[in-house]
């Protein structure tokens, strides 16, 4: 029961369609219950247009998000290395 869940994602066509699979032994509400093998195999499709983060994101929203980050000298030193 202590094993990790298995998760895989396959983006077949970026932001258009893909597949996500998940599996793990799970217990119901009753602790005396026998673990059940749960598997989810999800195929998804999207008809939304491609989102380009470089041009489609609002500059002010991005700037505010960066301003809230806890930047430190150590962070930039690690980036340099």
C-alpha atoms as a PDB file:
ATOM      1  CA  UNK A   1       0.000   0.000   0.000  1.00  0.00           C
ATOM      2  CA  UNK A   2       2.984   2.329   0.500  1.00  0.00           C
ATOM      3  CA  UNK A   3       3.979   2.387  -3.167  1.00  0.00           C
ATOM      4  CA  UNK A   4       3.851   5.540  -5.254  1.00  0.00           C
ATOM      5  CA  UNK A   5       1.162   6.168  -7.840  1.00  0.00           C
ATOM      6  CA  UNK A   6       2.089   5.676 -11.464  1.00  0.00           C
ATOM      7  CA  UNK A   7       1.498   8.761 -13.619  1.00  0.00           C
ATOM      8  CA  UNK A   8       2.286   9.316 -17.271  1.00  0.00           C
ATOM      9  CA  UNK A   9       1.390  12.124 -19.654  1.00  0.00           C
ATOM     10  CA  UNK A  10       1.744  11.941 -23.400  1.00  0.00           C
ATOM     11  CA  UNK A  11       1.183  15.247 -25.231  1.00  0.00           C
ATOM     12  CA  UNK A  12       0.451  13.739 -28.633  1.00  0.00           C
ATOM     13  CA  UNK A  13      -0.220  17.076 -30.319  1.00  0.00           C
ATOM     14  CA  UNK A  14       0.859  20.039 -28.153  1.00  0.00           C
ATOM     15  CA  UNK A  15      -2.180  21.844 -26.681  1.00  0.00           C
ATOM     16  CA  UNK A  16      -4.546  20.035 -29.056  1.00  0.00           C
ATOM     17  CA  UNK A  17      -4.894  16.495 -27.706  1.00  0.00           C
ATOM     18  CA  UNK A  18      -3.092  13.998 -25.536  1.00  0.00           C
ATOM     19  CA  UNK A  19      -3.313  11.211 -22.991  1.00  0.00           C
ATOM     20  CA  UNK A  20      -2.872  11.019 -19.201  1.00  0.00           C
ATOM     21  CA  UNK A  21      -2.703   7.698 -17.316  1.00  0.00           C
ATOM     22  CA  UNK A  22      -2.723   7.206 -13.530  1.00  0.00           C
ATOM     23  CA  UNK A  23      -2.831   4.045 -11.411  1.00  0.00           C
ATOM     24  CA  UNK A  24      -2.498   3.128  -7.722  1.00  0.00           C
ATOM     25  CA  UNK A  25      -3.910   0.736  -5.129  1.00  0.00           C
ATOM     26  CA  UNK A  26      -6.391   2.694  -3.006  1.00  0.00           C
ATOM     27  CA  UNK A  27      -8.424   1.945   0.109  1.00  0.00           C
ATOM     28  CA  UNK A  28     -12.074   2.864   0.540  1.00  0.00           C
ATOM     29  CA  UNK A  29     -13.280   4.691   3.683  1.00  0.00           C
ATOM     30  CA  UNK A  30     -13.124   1.497   5.745  1.00  0.00           C
ATOM     31  CA  UNK A  31      -9.500   0.754   6.842  1.00  0.00           C
ATOM     32  CA  UNK A  32     -10.332  -2.981   6.969  1.00  0.00           C
ATOM     33  CA  UNK A  33     -11.252  -2.937   3.293  1.00  0.00           C
ATOM     34  CA  UNK A  34      -9.093  -4.636   0.683  1.00  0.00           C
ATOM     35  CA  UNK A  35      -7.071  -2.224  -1.529  1.00  0.00           C
ATOM     36  CA  UNK A  36      -8.611  -1.664  -4.950  1.00  0.00           C
ATOM     37  CA  UNK A  37      -6.481  -1.270  -8.064  1.00  0.00           C
ATOM     38  CA  UNK A  38      -7.581   2.098  -9.498  1.00  0.00           C
ATOM     39  CA  UNK A  39      -6.592   3.053 -13.042  1.00  0.00           C
ATOM     40  CA  UNK A  40      -7.509   6.196 -14.944  1.00  0.00           C
ATOM     41  CA  UNK A  41      -6.792   6.449 -18.652  1.00  0.00           C
ATOM     42  CA  UNK A  42      -7.784   9.890 -19.906  1.00  0.00           C
ATOM     43  CA  UNK A  43      -7.720  10.973 -23.532  1.00  0.00           C
ATOM     44  CA  UNK A  44      -8.352  14.690 -23.971  1.00  0.00           C
ATOM     45  CA  UNK A  45      -8.990  17.052 -26.871  1.00  0.00           C
ATOM     46  CA  UNK A  46      -8.917  20.851 -26.928  1.00  0.00           C
ATOM     47  CA  UNK A  47     -10.216  23.149 -29.632  1.00  0.00           C
ATOM     48  CA  UNK A  48      -8.791  26.265 -27.958  1.00  0.00           C
ATOM     49  CA  UNK A  49      -6.226  28.251 -29.931  1.00  0.00           C
ATOM     50  CA  UNK A  50      -2.549  27.822 -29.075  1.00  0.00           C
ATOM     51  CA  UNK A  51      -1.494  30.094 -26.195  1.00  0.00           C
ATOM     52  CA  UNK A  52       1.859  31.790 -26.804  1.00  0.00           C
ATOM     53  CA  UNK A  53       3.249  32.884 -23.437  1.00  0.00           C
ATOM     54  CA  UNK A  54       5.629  35.372 -25.096  1.00  0.00           C
ATOM     55  CA  UNK A  55       2.919  37.407 -26.818  1.00  0.00           C
ATOM     56  CA  UNK A  56      -0.446  36.457 -25.290  1.00  0.00           C
ATOM     57  CA  UNK A  57       0.302  37.144 -21.605  1.00  0.00           C
ATOM     58  CA  UNK A  58      -0.552  40.525 -20.152  1.00  0.00           C
ATOM     59  CA  UNK A  59       2.637  42.452 -19.346  1.00  0.00           C
ATOM     60  CA  UNK A  60       1.251  44.039 -16.152  1.00  0.00           C
ATOM     61  CA  UNK A  61       0.085  40.689 -14.748  1.00  0.00           C
ATOM     62  CA  UNK A  62       3.474  39.119 -15.471  1.00  0.00           C
ATOM     63  CA  UNK A  63       5.300  42.090 -13.911  1.00  0.00           C
ATOM     64  CA  UNK A  64       3.217  41.904 -10.732  1.00  0.00           C
ATOM     65  CA  UNK A  65       3.844  38.158 -10.445  1.00  0.00           C
ATOM     66  CA  UNK A  66       7.611  38.674 -10.760  1.00  0.00           C
ATOM     67  CA  UNK A  67       7.490  41.494  -8.191  1.00  0.00           C
ATOM     68  CA  UNK A  68       5.875  39.163  -5.612  1.00  0.00           C
ATOM     69  CA  UNK A  69       8.644  36.545  -5.895  1.00  0.00           C
ATOM     70  CA  UNK A  70      11.131  36.366  -2.979  1.00  0.00           C
ATOM     71  CA  UNK A  71      14.276  37.069  -5.048  1.00  0.00           C
ATOM     72  CA  UNK A  72      17.604  36.770  -3.243  1.00  0.00           C
ATOM     73  CA  UNK A  73      21.292  37.200  -4.068  1.00  0.00           C
ATOM     74  CA  UNK A  74      21.736  33.434  -3.541  1.00  0.00           C
ATOM     75  CA  UNK A  75      19.075  32.696  -6.183  1.00  0.00           C
ATOM     76  CA  UNK A  76      20.913  34.737  -8.822  1.00  0.00           C
ATOM     77  CA  UNK A  77      24.275  33.254  -7.843  1.00  0.00           C
ATOM     78  CA  UNK A  78      22.842  29.772  -8.361  1.00  0.00           C
ATOM     79  CA  UNK A  79      21.530  30.828 -11.776  1.00  0.00           C
ATOM     80  CA  UNK A  80      24.970  32.093 -12.730  1.00  0.00           C
ATOM     81  CA  UNK A  81      26.560  28.720 -11.836  1.00  0.00           C
END
